[in-house]
Amino acid sequence: MRHYCLWPFILFSIGIVGGGWFYYNKKNAKNEWLIDRVDEGNIRQSISATGSLGALITVEVGCQISGIIASISADFNDSVKEGQLIAQIDPSTFEAQVQQASANLENSKAGERNVAAQIQNLKGNLLTAKADQKVTEANLKKSQVALEDALRNLKRMSELFSKKLISTSEKDSAQSGADSAKAAVEASNAQIEASKAK
């Protein structure tokens, strides 16, 4: 590439030296006449000129992405053809980006699977809560029936006690059964309220 930069300087130097020689010889030249015989033939004319050379077609070369050049297949002023590989960009940066994107995709897929598992877990918890609520409601009904039975038993025992047909301990036992059944109903109601709060 440095040789191409020297050509204009060399041609310019040759032109200066040639011009100086021509000027010096013209100034010191004697008038001499050359006589020659004329022949028939082709006339040949040559022109010498100085200047810089330029390319017929200049093509801008670029790429759509930027990066570090890994290899160059063509040099300055080389002839190239359409579709020929001129340079190759180092793919390691882009491969790292692809790997990062793949890792992000896998992470997102894992997050999606995690959310799906949480949804299934919540659905299972909901079904369990509904089943627990039904069990609690059934226990409430059972407790209410037991309370009604205990209250009937207490009423019967109270009538028998007022007629002095049973002992105090039997009446107290019926009272304890009624109190226990009432407490069971209240506990069932509390469980229902707690399950609604969840």
N, C-alpha and C. Protein backbone atom coordinates (compact mmCIF):
# COMPACT_ATOMS: atom_id res chain seq x y z
N MET A 1 0.83 -1.18 0.00
CA MET A 1 0.00 0.00 0.00
C MET A 1 0.87 1.24 0.00
N ARG A 2 2.05 1.17 0.62
CA ARG A 2 2.96 2.32 0.67
C ARG A 2 3.56 2.59 -0.71
N HIS A 3 3.69 1.51 -1.53
CA HIS A 3 4.25 1.70 -2.87
C HIS A 3 3.31 2.55 -3.72
N TYR A 4 2.02 2.42 -3.53
CA TYR A 4 1.06 3.19 -4.31
C TYR A 4 1.13 4.66 -3.95
N CYS A 5 1.47 4.97 -2.74
CA CYS A 5 1.58 6.36 -2.30
C CYS A 5 2.84 7.02 -2.87
N LEU A 6 3.87 6.25 -3.20
CA LEU A 6 5.12 6.80 -3.72
C LEU A 6 5.04 7.13 -5.21
N TRP A 7 4.17 6.48 -5.95
CA TRP A 7 4.12 6.69 -7.40
C TRP A 7 3.86 8.15 -7.78
N PRO A 8 2.91 8.83 -7.18
CA PRO A 8 2.73 10.24 -7.58
C PRO A 8 3.99 11.07 -7.31
N PHE A 9 4.67 10.82 -6.23
CA PHE A 9 5.90 11.56 -5.90
C PHE A 9 6.99 11.26 -6.93
N ILE A 10 7.13 9.98 -7.29
CA ILE A 10 8.16 9.59 -8.27
C ILE A 10 7.85 10.22 -9.62
N LEU A 11 6.59 10.14 -10.06
CA LEU A 11 6.21 10.74 -11.36
C LEU A 11 6.43 12.25 -11.33
N PHE A 12 6.11 12.89 -10.23
CA PHE A 12 6.31 14.34 -10.12
C PHE A 12 7.80 14.67 -10.19
N SER A 13 8.63 13.87 -9.50
CA SER A 13 10.09 14.09 -9.53
C SER A 13 10.64 13.90 -10.94
N ILE A 14 10.18 12.86 -11.63
CA ILE A 14 10.63 12.63 -13.02
C ILE A 14 10.22 13.79 -13.90
N GLY A 15 9.01 14.30 -13.70
CA GLY A 15 8.53 15.45 -14.49
C GLY A 15 9.39 16.67 -14.24
N ILE A 16 9.77 16.93 -13.00
CA ILE A 16 10.60 18.10 -12.67
C ILE A 16 11.98 17.95 -13.32
N VAL A 17 12.58 16.77 -13.16
CA VAL A 17 13.91 16.53 -13.74
C VAL A 17 13.85 16.64 -15.27
N GLY A 18 12.82 16.02 -15.86
CA GLY A 18 12.67 16.08 -17.33
C GLY A 18 12.45 17.51 -17.81
N GLY A 19 11.61 18.26 -17.08
CA GLY A 19 11.37 19.66 -17.47
C GLY A 19 12.62 20.50 -17.35
N GLY A 20 13.39 20.27 -16.28
CA GLY A 20 14.66 21.01 -16.12
C GLY A 20 15.64 20.68 -17.22
N TRP A 21 15.73 19.40 -17.54
CA TRP A 21 16.65 19.00 -18.63
C TRP A 21 16.23 19.62 -19.95
N PHE A 22 14.91 19.58 -20.25
CA PHE A 22 14.40 20.15 -21.50
C PHE A 22 14.68 21.65 -21.54
N TYR A 23 14.43 22.34 -20.45
CA TYR A 23 14.65 23.79 -20.40
C TYR A 23 16.14 24.11 -20.56
N TYR A 24 17.00 23.35 -19.92
CA TYR A 24 18.44 23.59 -20.00
C TYR A 24 18.94 23.34 -21.42
N ASN A 25 18.50 22.25 -22.05
CA ASN A 25 18.93 21.93 -23.41
C ASN A 25 18.39 22.92 -24.42
N LYS A 26 17.20 23.43 -24.20
CA LYS A 26 16.61 24.38 -25.13
C LYS A 26 17.38 25.70 -25.07
N LYS A 27 17.80 26.09 -23.91
CA LYS A 27 18.51 27.35 -23.73
C LYS A 27 19.91 27.27 -24.36
N ASN A 28 20.55 26.14 -24.20
CA ASN A 28 21.92 25.98 -24.69
C ASN A 28 21.98 25.24 -26.03
N ALA A 29 20.87 25.03 -26.66
CA ALA A 29 20.86 24.26 -27.90
C ALA A 29 21.32 25.12 -29.08
N LYS A 30 21.98 24.45 -29.98
CA LYS A 30 22.37 25.11 -31.23
C LYS A 30 21.31 24.77 -32.25
N ASN A 31 21.13 25.61 -33.15
CA ASN A 31 20.17 25.33 -34.21
C ASN A 31 20.78 24.29 -35.13
N GLU A 32 20.26 23.15 -35.05
CA GLU A 32 20.72 22.07 -35.91
C GLU A 32 19.57 21.64 -36.78
N TRP A 33 19.88 21.33 -37.95
CA TRP A 33 18.85 20.89 -38.88
C TRP A 33 19.09 19.43 -39.17
N LEU A 34 18.02 18.70 -39.05
CA LEU A 34 18.11 17.28 -39.38
C LEU A 34 17.44 17.08 -40.73
N ILE A 35 18.13 16.44 -41.57
CA ILE A 35 17.58 16.20 -42.89
C ILE A 35 17.54 14.70 -43.06
N ASP A 36 16.37 14.26 -43.52
CA ASP A 36 16.20 12.82 -43.70
C ASP A 36 15.32 12.61 -44.89
N ARG A 37 15.36 11.46 -45.38
CA ARG A 37 14.57 11.14 -46.54
C ARG A 37 13.18 10.73 -46.10
N VAL A 38 12.18 11.16 -46.81
CA VAL A 38 10.79 10.88 -46.47
C VAL A 38 10.41 9.54 -47.07
N ASP A 39 9.80 8.73 -46.21
CA ASP A 39 9.31 7.42 -46.65
C ASP A 39 7.81 7.36 -46.45
N GLU A 40 7.22 6.48 -47.18
CA GLU A 40 5.80 6.23 -46.99
C GLU A 40 5.63 5.21 -45.87
N GLY A 41 4.57 5.42 -45.00
CA GLY A 41 4.32 4.47 -43.92
C GLY A 41 3.31 5.03 -42.91
N ASN A 42 3.07 4.30 -41.89
CA ASN A 42 2.13 4.72 -40.84
C ASN A 42 2.77 5.76 -39.95
N ILE A 43 1.96 6.70 -39.54
CA ILE A 43 2.45 7.73 -38.63
C ILE A 43 2.16 7.26 -37.20
N ARG A 44 3.17 7.31 -36.39
CA ARG A 44 2.99 6.93 -35.00
C ARG A 44 3.18 8.17 -34.15
N GLN A 45 2.20 8.39 -33.27
CA GLN A 45 2.27 9.57 -32.41
C GLN A 45 2.13 9.10 -30.97
N SER A 46 2.96 9.55 -30.06
CA SER A 46 2.86 9.21 -28.65
C SER A 46 2.76 10.48 -27.83
N ILE A 47 2.05 10.36 -26.75
CA ILE A 47 1.87 11.50 -25.85
C ILE A 47 2.33 11.05 -24.48
N SER A 48 3.13 11.85 -23.85
CA SER A 48 3.51 11.57 -22.47
C SER A 48 2.83 12.60 -21.59
N ALA A 49 2.33 12.13 -20.47
CA ALA A 49 1.61 13.04 -19.56
C ALA A 49 1.93 12.64 -18.12
N THR A 50 1.73 13.59 -17.25
CA THR A 50 1.91 13.33 -15.83
C THR A 50 0.58 13.53 -15.12
N GLY A 51 0.39 12.87 -13.98
CA GLY A 51 -0.85 13.01 -13.21
C GLY A 51 -1.05 11.81 -12.30
N SER A 52 -2.18 11.78 -11.69
CA SER A 52 -2.47 10.68 -10.77
C SER A 52 -3.47 9.74 -11.41
N LEU A 53 -3.36 8.48 -11.07
CA LEU A 53 -4.27 7.47 -11.58
C LEU A 53 -5.42 7.29 -10.61
N GLY A 54 -6.61 7.04 -11.13
CA GLY A 54 -7.78 6.81 -10.28
C GLY A 54 -8.55 5.61 -10.77
N ALA A 55 -9.30 5.02 -9.88
CA ALA A 55 -10.09 3.83 -10.23
C ALA A 55 -11.28 4.24 -11.09
N LEU A 56 -11.65 3.34 -11.98
CA LEU A 56 -12.83 3.57 -12.81
C LEU A 56 -14.09 3.52 -11.97
N ILE A 57 -14.18 2.52 -11.10
CA ILE A 57 -15.35 2.36 -10.23
C ILE A 57 -14.86 2.25 -8.79
N THR A 58 -15.42 3.06 -7.94
CA THR A 58 -15.11 2.99 -6.52
C THR A 58 -16.35 2.46 -5.81
N VAL A 59 -16.16 1.46 -4.98
CA VAL A 59 -17.29 0.82 -4.30
C VAL A 59 -17.12 1.00 -2.80
N GLU A 60 -18.17 1.50 -2.15
CA GLU A 60 -18.18 1.60 -0.69
C GLU A 60 -18.51 0.23 -0.12
N VAL A 61 -17.72 -0.25 0.82
CA VAL A 61 -17.96 -1.55 1.44
C VAL A 61 -18.30 -1.32 2.90
N GLY A 62 -19.38 -1.92 3.36
CA GLY A 62 -19.79 -1.79 4.76
C GLY A 62 -20.54 -3.04 5.19
N CYS A 63 -20.96 -3.05 6.43
CA CYS A 63 -21.74 -4.19 6.92
C CYS A 63 -22.85 -3.68 7.82
N GLN A 64 -23.83 -4.53 8.06
CA GLN A 64 -25.01 -4.15 8.83
C GLN A 64 -24.76 -4.18 10.33
N ILE A 65 -23.73 -4.89 10.76
CA ILE A 65 -23.43 -4.97 12.19
C ILE A 65 -21.98 -4.56 12.41
N SER A 66 -21.68 -4.17 13.63
CA SER A 66 -20.30 -3.80 13.95
C SER A 66 -19.70 -4.87 14.86
N GLY A 67 -18.39 -4.95 14.83
CA GLY A 67 -17.72 -5.93 15.66
C GLY A 67 -16.23 -5.96 15.35
N ILE A 68 -15.54 -6.87 16.00
CA ILE A 68 -14.10 -7.03 15.81
C ILE A 68 -13.87 -7.89 14.57
N ILE A 69 -12.99 -7.44 13.66
CA ILE A 69 -12.69 -8.19 12.44
C ILE A 69 -11.78 -9.36 12.80
N ALA A 70 -12.21 -10.57 12.44
CA ALA A 70 -11.43 -11.77 12.73
C ALA A 70 -10.44 -12.06 11.59
N SER A 71 -10.87 -11.86 10.33
CA SER A 71 -9.98 -12.11 9.19
C SER A 71 -10.40 -11.24 8.02
N ILE A 72 -9.41 -10.88 7.17
CA ILE A 72 -9.66 -10.08 5.96
C ILE A 72 -9.20 -10.91 4.77
N SER A 73 -10.08 -11.09 3.78
CA SER A 73 -9.77 -11.93 2.62
C SER A 73 -9.36 -11.11 1.40
N ALA A 74 -9.58 -9.80 1.41
CA ALA A 74 -9.23 -8.95 0.26
C ALA A 74 -8.49 -7.73 0.78
N ASP A 75 -7.53 -7.23 -0.05
CA ASP A 75 -6.73 -6.07 0.35
C ASP A 75 -7.10 -4.88 -0.52
N PHE A 76 -6.50 -3.75 -0.25
CA PHE A 76 -6.73 -2.51 -0.99
C PHE A 76 -6.37 -2.73 -2.45
N ASN A 77 -7.24 -2.29 -3.36
CA ASN A 77 -7.09 -2.38 -4.82
C ASN A 77 -7.11 -3.81 -5.36
N ASP A 78 -7.54 -4.78 -4.57
CA ASP A 78 -7.72 -6.14 -5.09
C ASP A 78 -9.01 -6.20 -5.89
N SER A 79 -9.02 -7.05 -6.90
CA SER A 79 -10.26 -7.27 -7.65
C SER A 79 -11.12 -8.25 -6.87
N VAL A 80 -12.38 -7.92 -6.73
CA VAL A 80 -13.30 -8.80 -6.02
C VAL A 80 -14.52 -9.04 -6.88
N LYS A 81 -15.22 -10.12 -6.60
CA LYS A 81 -16.43 -10.46 -7.34
C LYS A 81 -17.63 -10.37 -6.42
N GLU A 82 -18.78 -10.27 -6.99
CA GLU A 82 -20.01 -10.18 -6.20
C GLU A 82 -20.19 -11.46 -5.39
N GLY A 83 -20.49 -11.30 -4.11
CA GLY A 83 -20.72 -12.43 -3.23
C GLY A 83 -19.45 -12.97 -2.59
N GLN A 84 -18.27 -12.41 -2.98
CA GLN A 84 -17.01 -12.89 -2.41
C GLN A 84 -16.88 -12.40 -0.97
N LEU A 85 -16.39 -13.28 -0.10
CA LEU A 85 -16.16 -12.92 1.30
C LEU A 85 -14.96 -11.99 1.37
N ILE A 86 -15.17 -10.80 1.94
CA ILE A 86 -14.09 -9.81 2.04
C ILE A 86 -13.49 -9.83 3.43
N ALA A 87 -14.35 -9.87 4.44
CA ALA A 87 -13.88 -9.87 5.83
C ALA A 87 -14.86 -10.68 6.67
N GLN A 88 -14.37 -11.19 7.79
CA GLN A 88 -15.23 -11.95 8.69
C GLN A 88 -15.15 -11.33 10.08
N ILE A 89 -16.33 -11.09 10.66
CA ILE A 89 -16.41 -10.50 12.00
C ILE A 89 -16.30 -11.63 13.03
N ASP A 90 -15.58 -11.37 14.11
CA ASP A 90 -15.40 -12.35 15.19
C ASP A 90 -16.77 -12.71 15.78
N PRO A 91 -17.18 -13.97 15.69
CA PRO A 91 -18.53 -14.34 16.14
C PRO A 91 -18.66 -14.56 17.64
N SER A 92 -17.56 -14.49 18.41
CA SER A 92 -17.64 -14.84 19.83
C SER A 92 -18.58 -13.92 20.60
N THR A 93 -18.60 -12.63 20.27
CA THR A 93 -19.50 -11.69 20.96
C THR A 93 -20.95 -12.08 20.72
N PHE A 94 -21.27 -12.39 19.46
CA PHE A 94 -22.65 -12.73 19.12
C PHE A 94 -23.03 -14.10 19.67
N GLU A 95 -22.07 -15.04 19.69
CA GLU A 95 -22.35 -16.35 20.28
C GLU A 95 -22.64 -16.21 21.77
N ALA A 96 -21.92 -15.32 22.44
CA ALA A 96 -22.18 -15.08 23.87
C ALA A 96 -23.57 -14.48 24.07
N GLN A 97 -23.97 -13.58 23.16
CA GLN A 97 -25.31 -13.00 23.26
C GLN A 97 -26.38 -14.06 23.03
N VAL A 98 -26.14 -14.96 22.08
CA VAL A 98 -27.09 -16.05 21.82
C VAL A 98 -27.20 -16.97 23.03
N GLN A 99 -26.04 -17.29 23.64
CA GLN A 99 -26.06 -18.15 24.83
C GLN A 99 -26.79 -17.46 25.98
N GLN A 100 -26.58 -16.14 26.13
CA GLN A 100 -27.27 -15.39 27.19
C GLN A 100 -28.78 -15.40 26.94
N ALA A 101 -29.17 -15.18 25.67
CA ALA A 101 -30.59 -15.20 25.34
C ALA A 101 -31.19 -16.58 25.57
N SER A 102 -30.44 -17.65 25.24
CA SER A 102 -30.92 -19.01 25.48
C SER A 102 -31.09 -19.27 26.98
N ALA A 103 -30.13 -18.79 27.77
CA ALA A 103 -30.23 -18.96 29.23
C ALA A 103 -31.43 -18.19 29.77
N ASN A 104 -31.66 -16.99 29.26
CA ASN A 104 -32.83 -16.21 29.69
C ASN A 104 -34.13 -16.92 29.32
N LEU A 105 -34.15 -17.53 28.11
CA LEU A 105 -35.34 -18.27 27.67
C LEU A 105 -35.59 -19.46 28.59
N GLU A 106 -34.54 -20.21 28.91
CA GLU A 106 -34.69 -21.36 29.81
C GLU A 106 -35.15 -20.91 31.19
N ASN A 107 -34.62 -19.79 31.65
CA ASN A 107 -35.02 -19.24 32.95
C ASN A 107 -36.50 -18.87 32.93
N SER A 108 -36.93 -18.26 31.83
CA SER A 108 -38.35 -17.89 31.71
C SER A 108 -39.24 -19.13 31.67
N LYS A 109 -38.78 -20.16 30.95
CA LYS A 109 -39.56 -21.41 30.89
C LYS A 109 -39.66 -22.04 32.27
N ALA A 110 -38.54 -22.02 33.02
CA ALA A 110 -38.56 -22.57 34.38
C ALA A 110 -39.50 -21.76 35.27
N GLY A 111 -39.48 -20.44 35.10
CA GLY A 111 -40.40 -19.59 35.86
C GLY A 111 -41.84 -19.90 35.51
N GLU A 112 -42.11 -20.14 34.22
CA GLU A 112 -43.47 -20.49 33.79
C GLU A 112 -43.91 -21.82 34.41
N ARG A 113 -42.99 -22.81 34.41
CA ARG A 113 -43.32 -24.10 35.02
C ARG A 113 -43.57 -23.94 36.52
N ASN A 114 -42.78 -23.08 37.16
CA ASN A 114 -42.94 -22.83 38.59
C ASN A 114 -44.30 -22.20 38.88
N VAL A 115 -44.69 -21.23 38.05
CA VAL A 115 -46.00 -20.59 38.24
C VAL A 115 -47.12 -21.60 38.01
N ALA A 116 -46.96 -22.46 36.98
CA ALA A 116 -47.98 -23.48 36.72
C ALA A 116 -48.10 -24.44 37.91
N ALA A 117 -46.96 -24.81 38.51
CA ALA A 117 -46.99 -25.68 39.69
C ALA A 117 -47.66 -24.99 40.87
N GLN A 118 -47.39 -23.69 41.02
CA GLN A 118 -48.03 -22.93 42.10
C GLN A 118 -49.54 -22.86 41.89
N ILE A 119 -49.95 -22.69 40.63
CA ILE A 119 -51.39 -22.66 40.33
C ILE A 119 -52.03 -24.00 40.69
N GLN A 120 -51.37 -25.10 40.31
CA GLN A 120 -51.90 -26.42 40.64
C GLN A 120 -51.96 -26.61 42.16
N ASN A 121 -50.94 -26.12 42.85
CA ASN A 121 -50.91 -26.21 44.31
C ASN A 121 -52.06 -25.42 44.92
N LEU A 122 -52.28 -24.22 44.38
CA LEU A 122 -53.39 -23.40 44.89
C LEU A 122 -54.74 -24.04 44.60
N LYS A 123 -54.86 -24.66 43.42
CA LYS A 123 -56.12 -25.36 43.10
C LYS A 123 -56.34 -26.51 44.09
N GLY A 124 -55.25 -27.24 44.38
CA GLY A 124 -55.35 -28.32 45.36
C GLY A 124 -55.73 -27.79 46.74
N ASN A 125 -55.11 -26.66 47.13
CA ASN A 125 -55.45 -26.05 48.42
C ASN A 125 -56.90 -25.60 48.46
N LEU A 126 -57.39 -25.09 47.32
CA LEU A 126 -58.79 -24.66 47.25
C LEU A 126 -59.73 -25.85 47.42
N LEU A 127 -59.40 -26.95 46.72
CA LEU A 127 -60.24 -28.15 46.86
C LEU A 127 -60.20 -28.67 48.30
N THR A 128 -59.01 -28.64 48.90
CA THR A 128 -58.89 -29.08 50.29
C THR A 128 -59.70 -28.18 51.21
N ALA A 129 -59.63 -26.87 50.96
CA ALA A 129 -60.37 -25.92 51.80
C ALA A 129 -61.88 -26.14 51.65
N LYS A 130 -62.33 -26.40 50.41
CA LYS A 130 -63.76 -26.67 50.20
C LYS A 130 -64.18 -27.94 50.93
N ALA A 131 -63.32 -28.97 50.83
CA ALA A 131 -63.63 -30.23 51.52
C ALA A 131 -63.64 -30.02 53.03
N ASP A 132 -62.66 -29.25 53.53
CA ASP A 132 -62.62 -28.95 54.97
C ASP A 132 -63.86 -28.19 55.40
N GLN A 133 -64.30 -27.27 54.54
CA GLN A 133 -65.50 -26.49 54.88
C GLN A 133 -66.72 -27.40 54.95
N LYS A 134 -66.81 -28.34 54.01
CA LYS A 134 -67.95 -29.27 54.04
C LYS A 134 -67.90 -30.14 55.29
N VAL A 135 -66.68 -30.59 55.65
CA VAL A 135 -66.53 -31.40 56.87
C VAL A 135 -66.93 -30.58 58.08
N THR A 136 -66.50 -29.31 58.11
CA THR A 136 -66.83 -28.44 59.25
C THR A 136 -68.33 -28.19 59.32
N GLU A 137 -68.96 -27.98 58.14
CA GLU A 137 -70.42 -27.78 58.13
C GLU A 137 -71.14 -29.05 58.60
N ALA A 138 -70.61 -30.21 58.18
CA ALA A 138 -71.21 -31.47 58.63
C ALA A 138 -71.03 -31.63 60.14
N ASN A 139 -69.84 -31.26 60.64
CA ASN A 139 -69.61 -31.33 62.09
C ASN A 139 -70.55 -30.38 62.84
N LEU A 140 -70.82 -29.20 62.23
CA LEU A 140 -71.74 -28.24 62.85
C LEU A 140 -73.14 -28.85 62.96
N LYS A 141 -73.59 -29.46 61.86
CA LYS A 141 -74.91 -30.09 61.89
C LYS A 141 -74.96 -31.20 62.94
N LYS A 142 -73.88 -31.99 62.97
CA LYS A 142 -73.81 -33.07 63.95
C LYS A 142 -73.84 -32.51 65.37
N SER A 143 -73.09 -31.41 65.58
CA SER A 143 -73.07 -30.77 66.91
C SER A 143 -74.43 -30.19 67.26
N GLN A 144 -75.11 -29.62 66.26
CA GLN A 144 -76.44 -29.05 66.51
C GLN A 144 -77.44 -30.15 66.89
N VAL A 145 -77.35 -31.28 66.18
CA VAL A 145 -78.23 -32.41 66.51
C VAL A 145 -77.92 -32.92 67.91
N ALA A 146 -76.62 -33.02 68.23
CA ALA A 146 -76.23 -33.48 69.57
C ALA A 146 -76.69 -32.49 70.63
N LEU A 147 -76.66 -31.17 70.32
CA LEU A 147 -77.12 -30.15 71.26
C LEU A 147 -78.63 -30.29 71.50
N GLU A 148 -79.37 -30.46 70.40
CA GLU A 148 -80.83 -30.63 70.55
C GLU A 148 -81.14 -31.87 71.40
N ASP A 149 -80.41 -32.94 71.14
CA ASP A 149 -80.62 -34.16 71.91
C ASP A 149 -80.26 -33.95 73.38
N ALA A 150 -79.13 -33.23 73.62
CA ALA A 150 -78.71 -32.97 75.00
C ALA A 150 -79.70 -32.05 75.71
N LEU A 151 -80.26 -31.07 74.98
CA LEU A 151 -81.25 -30.16 75.60
C LEU A 151 -82.54 -30.92 75.93
N ARG A 152 -82.96 -31.83 75.04
CA ARG A 152 -84.15 -32.65 75.33
C ARG A 152 -83.90 -33.54 76.55
N ASN A 153 -82.69 -34.10 76.57
CA ASN A 153 -82.33 -34.96 77.70
C ASN A 153 -82.29 -34.15 79.00
N LEU A 154 -81.74 -32.91 78.92
CA LEU A 154 -81.68 -32.04 80.10
C LEU A 154 -83.09 -31.68 80.57
N LYS A 155 -83.97 -31.38 79.62
CA LYS A 155 -85.36 -31.04 79.98
C LYS A 155 -86.04 -32.23 80.67
N ARG A 156 -85.83 -33.41 80.12
CA ARG A 156 -86.41 -34.60 80.71
C ARG A 156 -85.85 -34.86 82.11
N MET A 157 -84.53 -34.71 82.24
CA MET A 157 -83.89 -34.94 83.53
C MET A 157 -84.33 -33.88 84.55
N SER A 158 -84.52 -32.64 84.07
CA SER A 158 -84.97 -31.58 84.99
C SER A 158 -86.37 -31.89 85.51
N GLU A 159 -87.26 -32.39 84.63
CA GLU A 159 -88.62 -32.74 85.07
C GLU A 159 -88.58 -33.91 86.06
N LEU A 160 -87.72 -34.88 85.75
CA LEU A 160 -87.61 -36.02 86.67
C LEU A 160 -86.99 -35.60 88.00
N PHE A 161 -86.04 -34.65 87.94
CA PHE A 161 -85.41 -34.18 89.17
C PHE A 161 -86.41 -33.39 90.01
N SER A 162 -87.26 -32.58 89.33
CA SER A 162 -88.26 -31.81 90.09
C SER A 162 -89.28 -32.75 90.76
N LYS A 163 -89.48 -33.92 90.19
CA LYS A 163 -90.39 -34.89 90.80
C LYS A 163 -89.63 -35.80 91.76
N LYS A 164 -88.36 -35.56 91.91
CA LYS A 164 -87.49 -36.29 92.83
C LYS A 164 -87.39 -37.78 92.43
N LEU A 165 -87.36 -37.98 91.09
CA LEU A 165 -87.24 -39.35 90.63
C LEU A 165 -85.78 -39.73 90.28
N ILE A 166 -84.92 -38.70 90.11
CA ILE A 166 -83.49 -38.97 89.82
C ILE A 166 -82.64 -38.20 90.80
N SER A 167 -81.39 -38.58 90.84
CA SER A 167 -80.47 -37.91 91.77
C SER A 167 -79.92 -36.63 91.14
N THR A 168 -79.28 -35.83 91.97
CA THR A 168 -78.68 -34.57 91.51
C THR A 168 -77.55 -34.85 90.54
N SER A 169 -76.81 -35.89 90.76
CA SER A 169 -75.68 -36.20 89.88
C SER A 169 -76.16 -36.56 88.47
N GLU A 170 -77.31 -37.22 88.35
CA GLU A 170 -77.83 -37.54 87.02
C GLU A 170 -78.29 -36.28 86.31
N LYS A 171 -78.92 -35.34 87.07
CA LYS A 171 -79.33 -34.07 86.47
C LYS A 171 -78.10 -33.26 86.05
N ASP A 172 -77.06 -33.25 86.93
CA ASP A 172 -75.82 -32.52 86.61
C ASP A 172 -75.13 -33.13 85.39
N SER A 173 -75.19 -34.43 85.27
CA SER A 173 -74.60 -35.10 84.11
C SER A 173 -75.31 -34.67 82.83
N ALA A 174 -76.65 -34.55 82.86
CA ALA A 174 -77.42 -34.10 81.70
C ALA A 174 -77.08 -32.65 81.38
N GLN A 175 -76.90 -31.82 82.45
CA GLN A 175 -76.52 -30.41 82.25
C GLN A 175 -75.14 -30.33 81.61
N SER A 176 -74.20 -31.15 82.05
CA SER A 176 -72.84 -31.17 81.48
C SER A 176 -72.88 -31.59 80.02
N GLY A 177 -73.71 -32.57 79.69
CA GLY A 177 -73.85 -33.01 78.30
C GLY A 177 -74.38 -31.90 77.43
N ALA A 178 -75.38 -31.12 77.94
CA ALA A 178 -75.93 -30.01 77.17
C ALA A 178 -74.88 -28.92 76.99
N ASP A 179 -74.14 -28.62 78.07
CA ASP A 179 -73.08 -27.59 77.97
C ASP A 179 -71.99 -28.02 76.98
N SER A 180 -71.63 -29.28 77.03
CA SER A 180 -70.61 -29.81 76.12
C SER A 180 -71.09 -29.74 74.67
N ALA A 181 -72.35 -30.08 74.41
CA ALA A 181 -72.90 -30.02 73.06
C ALA A 181 -72.95 -28.58 72.57
N LYS A 182 -73.30 -27.63 73.48
CA LYS A 182 -73.34 -26.21 73.11
C LYS A 182 -71.94 -25.73 72.75
N ALA A 183 -70.93 -26.15 73.52
CA ALA A 183 -69.54 -25.77 73.24
C ALA A 183 -69.09 -26.34 71.89
N ALA A 184 -69.53 -27.57 71.56
CA ALA A 184 -69.17 -28.18 70.28
C ALA A 184 -69.76 -27.39 69.12
N VAL A 185 -71.02 -26.91 69.29
CA VAL A 185 -71.66 -26.09 68.24
C VAL A 185 -70.88 -24.79 68.06
N GLU A 186 -70.50 -24.15 69.17
CA GLU A 186 -69.74 -22.90 69.08
C GLU A 186 -68.37 -23.12 68.42
N ALA A 187 -67.73 -24.25 68.73
CA ALA A 187 -66.44 -24.57 68.11
C ALA A 187 -66.59 -24.79 66.61
N SER A 188 -67.67 -25.46 66.20
CA SER A 188 -67.92 -25.68 64.77
C SER A 188 -68.17 -24.36 64.06
N ASN A 189 -68.95 -23.47 64.70
CA ASN A 189 -69.18 -22.14 64.11
C ASN A 189 -67.87 -21.37 63.97
N ALA A 190 -67.00 -21.47 64.97
CA ALA A 190 -65.70 -20.79 64.91
C ALA A 190 -64.83 -21.34 63.78
N GLN A 191 -64.89 -22.67 63.57
CA GLN A 191 -64.12 -23.27 62.47
C GLN A 191 -64.63 -22.79 61.12
N ILE A 192 -65.94 -22.66 60.99
CA ILE A 192 -66.52 -22.17 59.72
C ILE A 192 -66.07 -20.74 59.47
N GLU A 193 -66.11 -19.90 60.48
CA GLU A 193 -65.68 -18.51 60.33
C GLU A 193 -64.19 -18.44 59.97
N ALA A 194 -63.39 -19.29 60.59
CA ALA A 194 -61.95 -19.30 60.30
C ALA A 194 -61.69 -19.74 58.87
N SER A 195 -62.44 -20.74 58.38
CA SER A 195 -62.24 -21.20 57.00
C SER A 195 -62.69 -20.15 55.99
N LYS A 196 -63.71 -19.35 56.34
CA LYS A 196 -64.14 -18.27 55.45
C LYS A 196 -63.09 -17.16 55.40
N ALA A 197 -62.39 -16.95 56.50
CA ALA A 197 -61.36 -15.91 56.56
C ALA A 197 -60.16 -16.26 55.68
N LYS A 198 -59.89 -17.55 55.47
CA LYS A 198 -58.77 -17.96 54.63
C LYS A 198 -59.07 -17.62 53.20
